[in-house]
Amino acid sequence: MDASLRLRPNLPYVRALVEAGVEGISGAMNELNGRIFTPTLQSSVWKPMAICGAIGALGSQMSGKRNKSRTMVGGAIGALVGFGATAAWTSRRFTDCAARKASRLVADTRDRHWLETHPIDYA
């Protein structure tokens, strides 16, 4: 049996799950007034990027081969790590709220689907 034929009956359910997740994320944005990064990412990203870039450049200099391209790549990788860590840290409130709301709505959707497929008769 083709995979698309097996998945076709579940498409409305998958769509409902995705919509519940997106609704949870948009609900978190509304709750936090659209602020994902607290404090703003532009003001808080420069110091960690510079520190991690310097550590990356120093680390690549301390390795066996010393050349400029390796030092630049090490610094760039360090700066990217610093940027990612800062972005994750400043968006932790939004991420927590979005994950909580989305997981609650997805669980409700899953429960509703289970009750539709497994009706409870008390008679």
PDB file of N, CA and C in Angstrom:
ATOM      1  N   MET A   1       0.845  -1.174   0.000  1.00  0.00           N
ATOM      2  CA  MET A   1       0.000   0.000   0.000  1.00  0.00           C
ATOM      3  C   MET A   1       0.893   1.241   0.000  1.00  0.00           C
ATOM      4  N   ASP A   2       0.523   2.199  -0.777  1.00  0.00           N
ATOM      5  CA  ASP A   2       1.292   3.432  -0.893  1.00  0.00           C
ATOM      6  C   ASP A   2       1.161   4.251   0.395  1.00  0.00           C
ATOM      7  N   ALA A   3       2.238   4.944   0.759  1.00  0.00           N
ATOM      8  CA  ALA A   3       2.241   5.731   1.995  1.00  0.00           C
ATOM      9  C   ALA A   3       1.220   6.857   1.954  1.00  0.00           C
ATOM     10  N   SER A   4       1.033   7.467   0.793  1.00  0.00           N
ATOM     11  CA  SER A   4       0.066   8.572   0.705  1.00  0.00           C
ATOM     12  C   SER A   4      -1.364   8.068   0.914  1.00  0.00           C
ATOM     13  N   LEU A   5      -1.653   6.839   0.502  1.00  0.00           N
ATOM     14  CA  LEU A   5      -2.992   6.288   0.725  1.00  0.00           C
ATOM     15  C   LEU A   5      -3.229   5.987   2.199  1.00  0.00           C
ATOM     16  N   ARG A   6      -2.168   5.586   2.908  1.00  0.00           N
ATOM     17  CA  ARG A   6      -2.304   5.318   4.338  1.00  0.00           C
ATOM     18  C   ARG A   6      -2.447   6.598   5.141  1.00  0.00           C
ATOM     19  N   LEU A   7      -1.813   7.675   4.699  1.00  0.00           N
ATOM     20  CA  LEU A   7      -1.851   8.925   5.444  1.00  0.00           C
ATOM     21  C   LEU A   7      -3.077   9.769   5.147  1.00  0.00           C
ATOM     22  N   ARG A   8      -3.732   9.531   4.021  1.00  0.00           N
ATOM     23  CA  ARG A   8      -4.850  10.375   3.610  1.00  0.00           C
ATOM     24  C   ARG A   8      -5.969  10.439   4.644  1.00  0.00           C
ATOM     25  N   PRO A   9      -6.382   9.361   5.284  1.00  0.00           N
ATOM     26  CA  PRO A   9      -7.448   9.484   6.294  1.00  0.00           C
ATOM     27  C   PRO A   9      -7.017  10.295   7.523  1.00  0.00           C
ATOM     28  N   ASN A  10      -5.722  10.394   7.796  1.00  0.00           N
ATOM     29  CA  ASN A  10      -5.242  11.107   8.971  1.00  0.00           C
ATOM     30  C   ASN A  10      -4.925  12.574   8.705  1.00  0.00           C
ATOM     31  N   LEU A  11      -5.047  13.038   7.481  1.00  0.00           N
ATOM     32  CA  LEU A  11      -4.691  14.419   7.167  1.00  0.00           C
ATOM     33  C   LEU A  11      -5.508  15.451   7.945  1.00  0.00           C
ATOM     34  N   PRO A  12      -6.805  15.278   8.103  1.00  0.00           N
ATOM     35  CA  PRO A  12      -7.539  16.270   8.918  1.00  0.00           C
ATOM     36  C   PRO A  12      -7.049  16.305  10.372  1.00  0.00           C
ATOM     37  N   TYR A  13      -6.705  15.147  10.910  1.00  0.00           N
ATOM     38  CA  TYR A  13      -6.196  15.083  12.277  1.00  0.00           C
ATOM     39  C   TYR A  13      -4.841  15.763  12.390  1.00  0.00           C
ATOM     40  N   VAL A  14      -3.948  15.512  11.439  1.00  0.00           N
ATOM     41  CA  VAL A  14      -2.628  16.154  11.447  1.00  0.00           C
ATOM     42  C   VAL A  14      -2.788  17.661  11.286  1.00  0.00           C
ATOM     43  N   ARG A  15      -3.691  18.059  10.422  1.00  0.00           N
ATOM     44  CA  ARG A  15      -3.938  19.498  10.233  1.00  0.00           C
ATOM     45  C   ARG A  15      -4.453  20.138  11.518  1.00  0.00           C
ATOM     46  N   ALA A  16      -5.339  19.444  12.226  1.00  0.00           N
ATOM     47  CA  ALA A  16      -5.863  19.969  13.488  1.00  0.00           C
ATOM     48  C   ALA A  16      -4.753  20.085  14.525  1.00  0.00           C
ATOM     49  N   LEU A  17      -3.827  19.126  14.543  1.00  0.00           N
ATOM     50  CA  LEU A  17      -2.692  19.197  15.475  1.00  0.00           C
ATOM     51  C   LEU A  17      -1.791  20.391  15.162  1.00  0.00           C
ATOM     52  N   VAL A  18      -1.497  20.589  13.882  1.00  0.00           N
ATOM     53  CA  VAL A  18      -0.644  21.715  13.484  1.00  0.00           C
ATOM     54  C   VAL A  18      -1.327  23.034  13.803  1.00  0.00           C
ATOM     55  N   GLU A  19      -2.625  23.131  13.528  1.00  0.00           N
ATOM     56  CA  GLU A  19      -3.355  24.357  13.841  1.00  0.00           C
ATOM     57  C   GLU A  19      -3.363  24.631  15.341  1.00  0.00           C
ATOM     58  N   ALA A  20      -3.466  23.587  16.152  1.00  0.00           N
ATOM     59  CA  ALA A  20      -3.437  23.774  17.604  1.00  0.00           C
ATOM     60  C   ALA A  20      -2.073  24.298  18.048  1.00  0.00           C
ATOM     61  N   GLY A  21      -1.002  23.769  17.463  1.00  0.00           N
ATOM     62  CA  GLY A  21       0.334  24.262  17.802  1.00  0.00           C
ATOM     63  C   GLY A  21       0.539  25.707  17.404  1.00  0.00           C
ATOM     64  N   VAL A  22       0.101  26.051  16.206  1.00  0.00           N
ATOM     65  CA  VAL A  22       0.241  27.430  15.737  1.00  0.00           C
ATOM     66  C   VAL A  22      -0.617  28.372  16.580  1.00  0.00           C
ATOM     67  N   GLU A  23      -1.799  27.926  16.957  1.00  0.00           N
ATOM     68  CA  GLU A  23      -2.665  28.739  17.799  1.00  0.00           C
ATOM     69  C   GLU A  23      -2.028  28.976  19.175  1.00  0.00           C
ATOM     70  N   GLY A  24      -1.341  27.964  19.692  1.00  0.00           N
ATOM     71  CA  GLY A  24      -0.643  28.136  20.967  1.00  0.00           C
ATOM     72  C   GLY A  24       0.480  29.147  20.869  1.00  0.00           C
ATOM     73  N   ILE A  25       1.220  29.121  19.783  1.00  0.00           N
ATOM     74  CA  ILE A  25       2.314  30.075  19.599  1.00  0.00           C
ATOM     75  C   ILE A  25       1.770  31.489  19.426  1.00  0.00           C
ATOM     76  N   SER A  26       0.709  31.629  18.633  1.00  0.00           N
ATOM     77  CA  SER A  26       0.145  32.974  18.450  1.00  0.00           C
ATOM     78  C   SER A  26      -0.488  33.473  19.742  1.00  0.00           C
ATOM     79  N   GLY A  27      -1.045  32.569  20.537  1.00  0.00           N
ATOM     80  CA  GLY A  27      -1.583  32.966  21.837  1.00  0.00           C
ATOM     81  C   GLY A  27      -0.492  33.454  22.769  1.00  0.00           C
ATOM     82  N   ALA A  28       0.671  32.840  22.703  1.00  0.00           N
ATOM     83  CA  ALA A  28       1.800  33.297  23.522  1.00  0.00           C
ATOM     84  C   ALA A  28       2.273  34.670  23.060  1.00  0.00           C
ATOM     85  N   MET A  29       2.281  34.902  21.757  1.00  0.00           N
ATOM     86  CA  MET A  29       2.673  36.222  21.256  1.00  0.00           C
ATOM     87  C   MET A  29       1.688  37.288  21.715  1.00  0.00           C
ATOM     88  N   ASN A  30       0.392  36.959  21.714  1.00  0.00           N
ATOM     89  CA  ASN A  30      -0.611  37.913  22.178  1.00  0.00           C
ATOM     90  C   ASN A  30      -0.476  38.172  23.674  1.00  0.00           C
ATOM     91  N   GLU A  31      -0.185  37.122  24.425  1.00  0.00           N
ATOM     92  CA  GLU A  31      -0.051  37.274  25.878  1.00  0.00           C
ATOM     93  C   GLU A  31       1.144  38.146  26.251  1.00  0.00           C
ATOM     94  N   LEU A  32       2.227  38.035  25.486  1.00  0.00           N
ATOM     95  CA  LEU A  32       3.433  38.811  25.773  1.00  0.00           C
ATOM     96  C   LEU A  32       3.502  40.083  24.927  1.00  0.00           C
ATOM     97  N   ASN A  33       2.405  40.479  24.317  1.00  0.00           N
ATOM     98  CA  ASN A  33       2.308  41.699  23.497  1.00  0.00           C
ATOM     99  C   ASN A  33       3.297  41.710  22.338  1.00  0.00           C
ATOM    100  N   GLY A  34       3.531  40.561  21.738  1.00  0.00           N
ATOM    101  CA  GLY A  34       4.397  40.478  20.576  1.00  0.00           C
ATOM    102  C   GLY A  34       5.889  40.545  20.882  1.00  0.00           C
ATOM    103  N   ARG A  35       6.255  40.581  22.147  1.00  0.00           N
ATOM    104  CA  ARG A  35       7.676  40.661  22.514  1.00  0.00           C
ATOM    105  C   ARG A  35       8.225  39.255  22.667  1.00  0.00           C
ATOM    106  N   ILE A  36       9.087  38.875  21.738  1.00  0.00           N
ATOM    107  CA  ILE A  36       9.702  37.558  21.808  1.00  0.00           C
ATOM    108  C   ILE A  36      10.990  37.634  22.602  1.00  0.00           C
ATOM    109  N   PHE A  37      11.777  38.647  22.357  1.00  0.00           N
ATOM    110  CA  PHE A  37      13.065  38.798  23.018  1.00  0.00           C
ATOM    111  C   PHE A  37      12.960  39.832  24.129  1.00  0.00           C
ATOM    112  N   THR A  38      13.303  39.422  25.358  1.00  0.00           N
ATOM    113  CA  THR A  38      13.277  40.335  26.490  1.00  0.00           C
ATOM    114  C   THR A  38      14.597  40.221  27.221  1.00  0.00           C
ATOM    115  N   PRO A  39      15.468  41.181  27.276  1.00  0.00           N
ATOM    116  CA  PRO A  39      15.451  42.487  26.631  1.00  0.00           C
ATOM    117  C   PRO A  39      15.650  42.335  25.125  1.00  0.00           C
ATOM    118  N   THR A  40      15.594  43.432  24.411  1.00  0.00           N
ATOM    119  CA  THR A  40      15.680  43.336  22.956  1.00  0.00           C
ATOM    120  C   THR A  40      16.992  42.688  22.547  1.00  0.00           C
ATOM    121  N   LEU A  41      16.920  41.905  21.502  1.00  0.00           N
ATOM    122  CA  LEU A  41      18.082  41.143  21.048  1.00  0.00           C
ATOM    123  C   LEU A  41      19.197  42.056  20.550  1.00  0.00           C
ATOM    124  N   GLN A  42      18.845  43.163  19.913  1.00  0.00           N
ATOM    125  CA  GLN A  42      19.854  44.052  19.350  1.00  0.00           C
ATOM    126  C   GLN A  42      20.759  44.631  20.432  1.00  0.00           C
ATOM    127  N   SER A  43      20.219  44.919  21.591  1.00  0.00           N
ATOM    128  CA  SER A  43      21.035  45.542  22.626  1.00  0.00           C
ATOM    129  C   SER A  43      21.825  44.534  23.448  1.00  0.00           C
ATOM    130  N   SER A  44      21.407  43.277  23.465  1.00  0.00           N
ATOM    131  CA  SER A  44      22.062  42.322  24.349  1.00  0.00           C
ATOM    132  C   SER A  44      22.963  41.324  23.638  1.00  0.00           C
ATOM    133  N   VAL A  45      23.058  41.369  22.325  1.00  0.00           N
ATOM    134  CA  VAL A  45      23.766  40.325  21.597  1.00  0.00           C
ATOM    135  C   VAL A  45      25.261  40.622  21.406  1.00  0.00           C
ATOM    136  N   TRP A  46      25.665  41.874  21.462  1.00  0.00           N
ATOM    137  CA  TRP A  46      27.032  42.222  21.052  1.00  0.00           C
ATOM    138  C   TRP A  46      28.098  41.703  21.998  1.00  0.00           C
ATOM    139  N   LYS A  47      27.924  41.837  23.284  1.00  0.00           N
ATOM    140  CA  LYS A  47      28.952  41.376  24.220  1.00  0.00           C
ATOM    141  C   LYS A  47      29.176  39.864  24.151  1.00  0.00           C
ATOM    142  N   PRO A  48      28.127  39.036  24.224  1.00  0.00           N
ATOM    143  CA  PRO A  48      28.362  37.594  24.116  1.00  0.00           C
ATOM    144  C   PRO A  48      28.953  37.177  22.771  1.00  0.00           C
ATOM    145  N   MET A  49      28.547  37.856  21.692  1.00  0.00           N
ATOM    146  CA  MET A  49      29.124  37.522  20.387  1.00  0.00           C
ATOM    147  C   MET A  49      30.618  37.827  20.368  1.00  0.00           C
ATOM    148  N   ALA A  50      31.006  38.969  20.924  1.00  0.00           N
ATOM    149  CA  ALA A  50      32.423  39.344  20.937  1.00  0.00           C
ATOM    150  C   ALA A  50      33.231  38.389  21.807  1.00  0.00           C
ATOM    151  N   ILE A  51      32.710  38.052  22.968  1.00  0.00           N
ATOM    152  CA  ILE A  51      33.433  37.149  23.865  1.00  0.00           C
ATOM    153  C   ILE A  51      33.586  35.769  23.238  1.00  0.00           C
ATOM    154  N   CYS A  52      32.497  35.220  22.700  1.00  0.00           N
ATOM    155  CA  CYS A  52      32.569  33.888  22.090  1.00  0.00           C
ATOM    156  C   CYS A  52      33.407  33.897  20.816  1.00  0.00           C
ATOM    157  N   GLY A  53      33.354  34.991  20.064  1.00  0.00           N
ATOM    158  CA  GLY A  53      34.218  35.097  18.881  1.00  0.00           C
ATOM    159  C   GLY A  53      35.684  35.117  19.261  1.00  0.00           C
ATOM    160  N   ALA A  54      36.029  35.842  20.318  1.00  0.00           N
ATOM    161  CA  ALA A  54      37.421  35.863  20.782  1.00  0.00           C
ATOM    162  C   ALA A  54      37.860  34.499  21.282  1.00  0.00           C
ATOM    163  N   ILE A  55      36.985  33.811  21.996  1.00  0.00           N
ATOM    164  CA  ILE A  55      37.317  32.465  22.472  1.00  0.00           C
ATOM    165  C   ILE A  55      37.501  31.514  21.299  1.00  0.00           C
ATOM    166  N   GLY A  56      36.654  31.629  20.285  1.00  0.00           N
ATOM    167  CA  GLY A  56      36.799  30.778  19.104  1.00  0.00           C
ATOM    168  C   GLY A  56      38.080  31.056  18.345  1.00  0.00           C
ATOM    169  N   ALA A  57      38.438  32.338  18.210  1.00  0.00           N
ATOM    170  CA  ALA A  57      39.686  32.683  17.520  1.00  0.00           C
ATOM    171  C   ALA A  57      40.890  32.207  18.320  1.00  0.00           C
ATOM    172  N   LEU A  58      40.859  32.378  19.636  1.00  0.00           N
ATOM    173  CA  LEU A  58      41.965  31.899  20.472  1.00  0.00           C
ATOM    174  C   LEU A  58      42.082  30.381  20.419  1.00  0.00           C
ATOM    175  N   GLY A  59      40.950  29.715  20.447  1.00  0.00           N
ATOM    176  CA  GLY A  59      40.975  28.254  20.373  1.00  0.00           C
ATOM    177  C   GLY A  59      41.554  27.754  19.070  1.00  0.00           C
ATOM    178  N   SER A  60      41.242  28.414  17.983  1.00  0.00           N
ATOM    179  CA  SER A  60      41.793  27.978  16.695  1.00  0.00           C
ATOM    180  C   SER A  60      43.273  28.335  16.592  1.00  0.00           C
ATOM    181  N   GLN A  61      43.701  29.390  17.256  1.00  0.00           N
ATOM    182  CA  GLN A  61      45.125  29.738  17.271  1.00  0.00           C
ATOM    183  C   GLN A  61      45.915  28.733  18.087  1.00  0.00           C
ATOM    184  N   MET A  62      45.330  28.190  19.121  1.00  0.00           N
ATOM    185  CA  MET A  62      46.031  27.239  19.968  1.00  0.00           C
ATOM    186  C   MET A  62      46.089  25.847  19.359  1.00  0.00           C
ATOM    187  N   SER A  63      45.349  25.611  18.296  1.00  0.00           N
ATOM    188  CA  SER A  63      45.428  24.309  17.637  1.00  0.00           C
ATOM    189  C   SER A  63      46.741  24.201  16.879  1.00  0.00           C
ATOM    190  N   GLY A  64      46.998  23.069  16.313  1.00  0.00           N
ATOM    191  CA  GLY A  64      48.291  22.800  15.686  1.00  0.00           C
ATOM    192  C   GLY A  64      48.656  23.743  14.552  1.00  0.00           C
ATOM    193  N   LYS A  65      47.774  23.965  13.611  1.00  0.00           N
ATOM    194  CA  LYS A  65      48.075  24.802  12.451  1.00  0.00           C
ATOM    195  C   LYS A  65      47.613  26.226  12.715  1.00  0.00           C
ATOM    196  N   ARG A  66      48.521  27.170  12.527  1.00  0.00           N
ATOM    197  CA  ARG A  66      48.173  28.580  12.737  1.00  0.00           C
ATOM    198  C   ARG A  66      48.166  29.295  11.396  1.00  0.00           C
ATOM    199  N   ASN A  67      47.001  29.636  10.934  1.00  0.00           N
ATOM    200  CA  ASN A  67      46.878  30.485   9.755  1.00  0.00           C
ATOM    201  C   ASN A  67      45.648  31.376   9.908  1.00  0.00           C
ATOM    202  N   LYS A  68      45.595  32.415   9.121  1.00  0.00           N
ATOM    203  CA  LYS A  68      44.556  33.435   9.293  1.00  0.00           C
ATOM    204  C   LYS A  68      43.160  32.913   9.003  1.00  0.00           C
ATOM    205  N   SER A  69      43.056  32.054   8.001  1.00  0.00           N
ATOM    206  CA  SER A  69      41.722  31.571   7.639  1.00  0.00           C
ATOM    207  C   SER A  69      41.130  30.715   8.759  1.00  0.00           C
ATOM    208  N   ARG A  70      41.955  29.897   9.406  1.00  0.00           N
ATOM    209  CA  ARG A  70      41.468  29.087  10.529  1.00  0.00           C
ATOM    210  C   ARG A  70      41.047  29.973  11.687  1.00  0.00           C
ATOM    211  N   THR A  71      41.808  31.021  11.937  1.00  0.00           N
ATOM    212  CA  THR A  71      41.474  31.930  13.027  1.00  0.00           C
ATOM    213  C   THR A  71      40.155  32.645  12.739  1.00  0.00           C
ATOM    214  N   MET A  72      39.957  33.058  11.493  1.00  0.00           N
ATOM    215  CA  MET A  72      38.719  33.743  11.131  1.00  0.00           C
ATOM    216  C   MET A  72      37.519  32.804  11.232  1.00  0.00           C
ATOM    217  N   VAL A  73      37.688  31.572  10.785  1.00  0.00           N
ATOM    218  CA  VAL A  73      36.599  30.604  10.867  1.00  0.00           C
ATOM    219  C   VAL A  73      36.275  30.298  12.330  1.00  0.00           C
ATOM    220  N   GLY A  74      37.296  30.129  13.151  1.00  0.00           N
ATOM    221  CA  GLY A  74      37.069  29.883  14.576  1.00  0.00           C
ATOM    222  C   GLY A  74      36.350  31.043  15.240  1.00  0.00           C
ATOM    223  N   GLY A  75      36.751  32.263  14.897  1.00  0.00           N
ATOM    224  CA  GLY A  75      36.076  33.431  15.443  1.00  0.00           C
ATOM    225  C   GLY A  75      34.636  33.534  14.978  1.00  0.00           C
ATOM    226  N   ALA A  76      34.397  33.233  13.705  1.00  0.00           N
ATOM    227  CA  ALA A  76      33.033  33.295  13.169  1.00  0.00           C
ATOM    228  C   ALA A  76      32.143  32.241  13.818  1.00  0.00           C
ATOM    229  N   ILE A  77      32.669  31.042  14.002  1.00  0.00           N
ATOM    230  CA  ILE A  77      31.883  29.989  14.659  1.00  0.00           C
ATOM    231  C   ILE A  77      31.597  30.370  16.099  1.00  0.00           C
ATOM    232  N   GLY A  78      32.577  30.916  16.789  1.00  0.00           N
ATOM    233  CA  GLY A  78      32.364  31.368  18.157  1.00  0.00           C
ATOM    234  C   GLY A  78      31.320  32.467  18.239  1.00  0.00           C
ATOM    235  N   ALA A  79      31.363  33.408  17.299  1.00  0.00           N
ATOM    236  CA  ALA A  79      30.369  34.485  17.291  1.00  0.00           C
ATOM    237  C   ALA A  79      28.972  33.936  17.027  1.00  0.00           C
ATOM    238  N   LEU A  80      28.853  32.955  16.144  1.00  0.00           N
ATOM    239  CA  LEU A  80      27.546  32.340  15.892  1.00  0.00           C
ATOM    240  C   LEU A  80      27.025  31.610  17.121  1.00  0.00           C
ATOM    241  N   VAL A  81      27.906  30.935  17.838  1.00  0.00           N
ATOM    242  CA  VAL A  81      27.498  30.261  19.070  1.00  0.00           C
ATOM    243  C   VAL A  81      27.028  31.295  20.096  1.00  0.00           C
ATOM    244  N   GLY A  82      27.759  32.401  20.208  1.00  0.00           N
ATOM    245  CA  GLY A  82      27.357  33.467  21.128  1.00  0.00           C
ATOM    246  C   GLY A  82      26.017  34.061  20.751  1.00  0.00           C
ATOM    247  N   PHE A  83      25.787  34.262  19.456  1.00  0.00           N
ATOM    248  CA  PHE A  83      24.507  34.795  18.997  1.00  0.00           C
ATOM    249  C   PHE A  83      23.374  33.826  19.317  1.00  0.00           C
ATOM    250  N   GLY A  84      23.589  32.549  19.043  1.00  0.00           N
ATOM    251  CA  GLY A  84      22.548  31.550  19.317  1.00  0.00           C
ATOM    252  C   GLY A  84      22.232  31.437  20.794  1.00  0.00           C
ATOM    253  N   ALA A  85      23.264  31.455  21.621  1.00  0.00           N
ATOM    254  CA  ALA A  85      23.035  31.373  23.067  1.00  0.00           C
ATOM    255  C   ALA A  85      22.291  32.601  23.581  1.00  0.00           C
ATOM    256  N   THR A  86      22.639  33.769  23.073  1.00  0.00           N
ATOM    257  CA  THR A  86      21.955  34.993  23.492  1.00  0.00           C
ATOM    258  C   THR A  86      20.505  34.992  23.022  1.00  0.00           C
ATOM    259  N   ALA A  87      20.274  34.558  21.795  1.00  0.00           N
ATOM    260  CA  ALA A  87      18.902  34.504  21.286  1.00  0.00           C
ATOM    261  C   ALA A  87      18.064  33.526  22.102  1.00  0.00           C
ATOM    262  N   ALA A  88      18.636  32.385  22.450  1.00  0.00           N
ATOM    263  CA  ALA A  88      17.900  31.415  23.262  1.00  0.00           C
ATOM    264  C   ALA A  88      17.614  31.968  24.657  1.00  0.00           C
ATOM    265  N   TRP A  89      18.583  32.654  25.238  1.00  0.00           N
ATOM    266  CA  TRP A  89      18.409  33.168  26.585  1.00  0.00           C
ATOM    267  C   TRP A  89      17.379  34.307  26.636  1.00  0.00           C
ATOM    268  N   THR A  90      17.435  35.212  25.673  1.00  0.00           N
ATOM    269  CA  THR A  90      16.515  36.350  25.717  1.00  0.00           C
ATOM    270  C   THR A  90      15.097  35.977  25.294  1.00  0.00           C
ATOM    271  N   SER A  91      14.916  34.838  24.646  1.00  0.00           N
ATOM    272  CA  SER A  91      13.567  34.432  24.239  1.00  0.00           C
ATOM    273  C   SER A  91      13.007  33.334  25.140  1.00  0.00           C
ATOM    274  N   ARG A  92      13.614  33.093  26.297  1.00  0.00           N
ATOM    275  CA  ARG A  92      13.192  31.980  27.142  1.00  0.00           C
ATOM    276  C   ARG A  92      11.769  32.157  27.683  1.00  0.00           C
ATOM    277  N   ARG A  93      11.341  33.385  27.989  1.00  0.00           N
ATOM    278  CA  ARG A  93       9.975  33.590  28.480  1.00  0.00           C
ATOM    279  C   ARG A  93       8.955  33.254  27.398  1.00  0.00           C
ATOM    280  N   PHE A  94       9.223  33.729  26.179  1.00  0.00           N
ATOM    281  CA  PHE A  94       8.312  33.446  25.074  1.00  0.00           C
ATOM    282  C   PHE A  94       8.292  31.950  24.765  1.00  0.00           C
ATOM    283  N   THR A  95       9.461  31.321  24.742  1.00  0.00           N
ATOM    284  CA  THR A  95       9.539  29.899  24.428  1.00  0.00           C
ATOM    285  C   THR A  95       8.777  29.077  25.460  1.00  0.00           C
ATOM    286  N   ASP A  96       8.926  29.432  26.728  1.00  0.00           N
ATOM    287  CA  ASP A  96       8.218  28.724  27.789  1.00  0.00           C
ATOM    288  C   ASP A  96       6.708  28.868  27.629  1.00  0.00           C
ATOM    289  N   CYS A  97       6.265  30.082  27.419  1.00  0.00           N
ATOM    290  CA  CYS A  97       4.825  30.348  27.276  1.00  0.00           C
ATOM    291  C   CYS A  97       4.264  29.657  26.030  1.00  0.00           C
ATOM    292  N   ALA A  98       4.980  29.746  24.911  1.00  0.00           N
ATOM    293  CA  ALA A  98       4.514  29.133  23.661  1.00  0.00           C
ATOM    294  C   ALA A  98       4.470  27.611  23.774  1.00  0.00           C
ATOM    295  N   ALA A  99       5.484  27.019  24.380  1.00  0.00           N
ATOM    296  CA  ALA A  99       5.505  25.564  24.525  1.00  0.00           C
ATOM    297  C   ALA A  99       4.378  25.090  25.432  1.00  0.00           C
ATOM    298  N   ARG A 100       4.133  25.819  26.506  1.00  0.00           N
ATOM    299  CA  ARG A 100       3.066  25.450  27.427  1.00  0.00           C
ATOM    300  C   ARG A 100       1.707  25.528  26.749  1.00  0.00           C
ATOM    301  N   LYS A 101       1.431  26.641  26.071  1.00  0.00           N
ATOM    302  CA  LYS A 101       0.138  26.813  25.412  1.00  0.00           C
ATOM    303  C   LYS A 101      -0.044  25.817  24.268  1.00  0.00           C
ATOM    304  N   ALA A 102       1.002  25.634  23.445  1.00  0.00           N
ATOM    305  CA  ALA A 102       0.890  24.719  22.311  1.00  0.00           C
ATOM    306  C   ALA A 102       0.702  23.279  22.782  1.00  0.00           C
ATOM    307  N   SER A 103       1.433  22.870  23.812  1.00  0.00           N
ATOM    308  CA  SER A 103       1.286  21.492  24.272  1.00  0.00           C
ATOM    309  C   SER A 103      -0.090  21.254  24.878  1.00  0.00           C
ATOM    310  N   ARG A 104      -0.642  22.254  25.552  1.00  0.00           N
ATOM    311  CA  ARG A 104      -1.979  22.119  26.118  1.00  0.00           C
ATOM    312  C   ARG A 104      -3.022  21.990  25.006  1.00  0.00           C
ATOM    313  N   LEU A 105      -2.908  22.823  23.973  1.00  0.00           N
ATOM    314  CA  LEU A 105      -3.885  22.764  22.879  1.00  0.00           C
ATOM    315  C   LEU A 105      -3.743  21.493  22.056  1.00  0.00           C
ATOM    316  N   VAL A 106      -2.509  21.039  21.847  1.00  0.00           N
ATOM    317  CA  VAL A 106      -2.303  19.785  21.109  1.00  0.00           C
ATOM    318  C   VAL A 106      -2.849  18.609  21.912  1.00  0.00           C
ATOM    319  N   ALA A 107      -2.654  18.610  23.225  1.00  0.00           N
ATOM    320  CA  ALA A 107      -3.198  17.531  24.057  1.00  0.00           C
ATOM    321  C   ALA A 107      -4.719  17.527  24.019  1.00  0.00           C
ATOM    322  N   ASP A 108      -5.325  18.701  24.043  1.00  0.00           N
ATOM    323  CA  ASP A 108      -6.786  18.774  23.937  1.00  0.00           C
ATOM    324  C   ASP A 108      -7.267  18.238  22.597  1.00  0.00           C
ATOM    325  N   THR A 109      -6.557  18.552  21.526  1.00  0.00           N
ATOM    326  CA  THR A 109      -6.915  18.051  20.198  1.00  0.00           C
ATOM    327  C   THR A 109      -6.770  16.537  20.140  1.00  0.00           C
ATOM    328  N   ARG A 110      -5.693  16.023  20.724  1.00  0.00           N
ATOM    329  CA  ARG A 110      -5.496  14.570  20.744  1.00  0.00           C
ATOM    330  C   ARG A 110      -6.591  13.882  21.548  1.00  0.00           C
ATOM    331  N   ASP A 111      -6.971  14.454  22.695  1.00  0.00           N
ATOM    332  CA  ASP A 111      -8.039  13.869  23.504  1.00  0.00           C
ATOM    333  C   ASP A 111      -9.368  13.876  22.760  1.00  0.00           C
ATOM    334  N   ARG A 112      -9.659  14.989  22.088  1.00  0.00           N
ATOM    335  CA  ARG A 112     -10.899  15.086  21.320  1.00  0.00           C
ATOM    336  C   ARG A 112     -10.922  14.034  20.214  1.00  0.00           C
ATOM    337  N   HIS A 113      -9.788  13.850  19.532  1.00  0.00           N
ATOM    338  CA  HIS A 113      -9.709  12.850  18.458  1.00  0.00           C
ATOM    339  C   HIS A 113      -9.889  11.442  19.029  1.00  0.00           C
ATOM    340  N   TRP A 114      -9.292  11.172  20.180  1.00  0.00           N
ATOM    341  CA  TRP A 114      -9.415   9.847  20.774  1.00  0.00           C
ATOM    342  C   TRP A 114     -10.868   9.570  21.139  1.00  0.00           C
ATOM    343  N   LEU A 115     -11.549  10.575  21.711  1.00  0.00           N
ATOM    344  CA  LEU A 115     -12.946  10.367  22.080  1.00  0.00           C
ATOM    345  C   LEU A 115     -13.838  10.186  20.858  1.00  0.00           C
ATOM    346  N   GLU A 116     -13.479  10.814  19.720  1.00  0.00           N
ATOM    347  CA  GLU A 116     -14.248  10.608  18.494  1.00  0.00           C
ATOM    348  C   GLU A 116     -14.079   9.191  17.972  1.00  0.00           C
ATOM    349  N   THR A 117     -12.876   8.648  18.077  1.00  0.00           N
ATOM    350  CA  THR A 117     -12.622   7.312  17.541  1.00  0.00           C
ATOM    351  C   THR A 117     -12.959   6.201  18.536  1.00  0.00           C
ATOM    352  N   HIS A 118     -13.081   6.531  19.807  1.00  0.00           N
ATOM    353  CA  HIS A 118     -13.406   5.559  20.841  1.00  0.00           C
ATOM    354  C   HIS A 118     -14.578   6.099  21.682  1.00  0.00           C
ATOM    355  N   PRO A 119     -15.785   6.044  21.139  1.00  0.00           N
ATOM    356  CA  PRO A 119     -16.920   6.594  21.887  1.00  0.00           C
ATOM    357  C   PRO A 119     -17.188   5.804  23.165  1.00  0.00           C
ATOM    358  N   ILE A 120     -17.633   6.524  24.169  1.00  0.00           N
ATOM    359  CA  ILE A 120     -17.911   5.909  25.465  1.00  0.00           C
ATOM    360  C   ILE A 120     -19.429   5.779  25.599  1.00  0.00           C
ATOM    361  N   ASP A 121     -19.900   4.543  25.750  1.00  0.00           N
ATOM    362  CA  ASP A 121     -21.313   4.294  25.931  1.00  0.00           C
ATOM    363  C   ASP A 121     -21.541   3.859  27.373  1.00  0.00           C
ATOM    364  N   TYR A 122     -22.355   4.613  28.079  1.00  0.00           N
ATOM    365  CA  TYR A 122     -22.619   4.288  29.473  1.00  0.00           C
ATOM    366  C   TYR A 122     -23.877   3.460  29.653  1.00  0.00           C
ATOM    367  N   ALA A 123     -24.517   3.088  28.569  1.00  0.00           N
ATOM    368  CA  ALA A 123     -25.773   2.348  28.684  1.00  0.00           C
ATOM    369  C   ALA A 123     -25.582   0.875  28.856  1.00  0.00           C
TER     370      ALA A 123
END
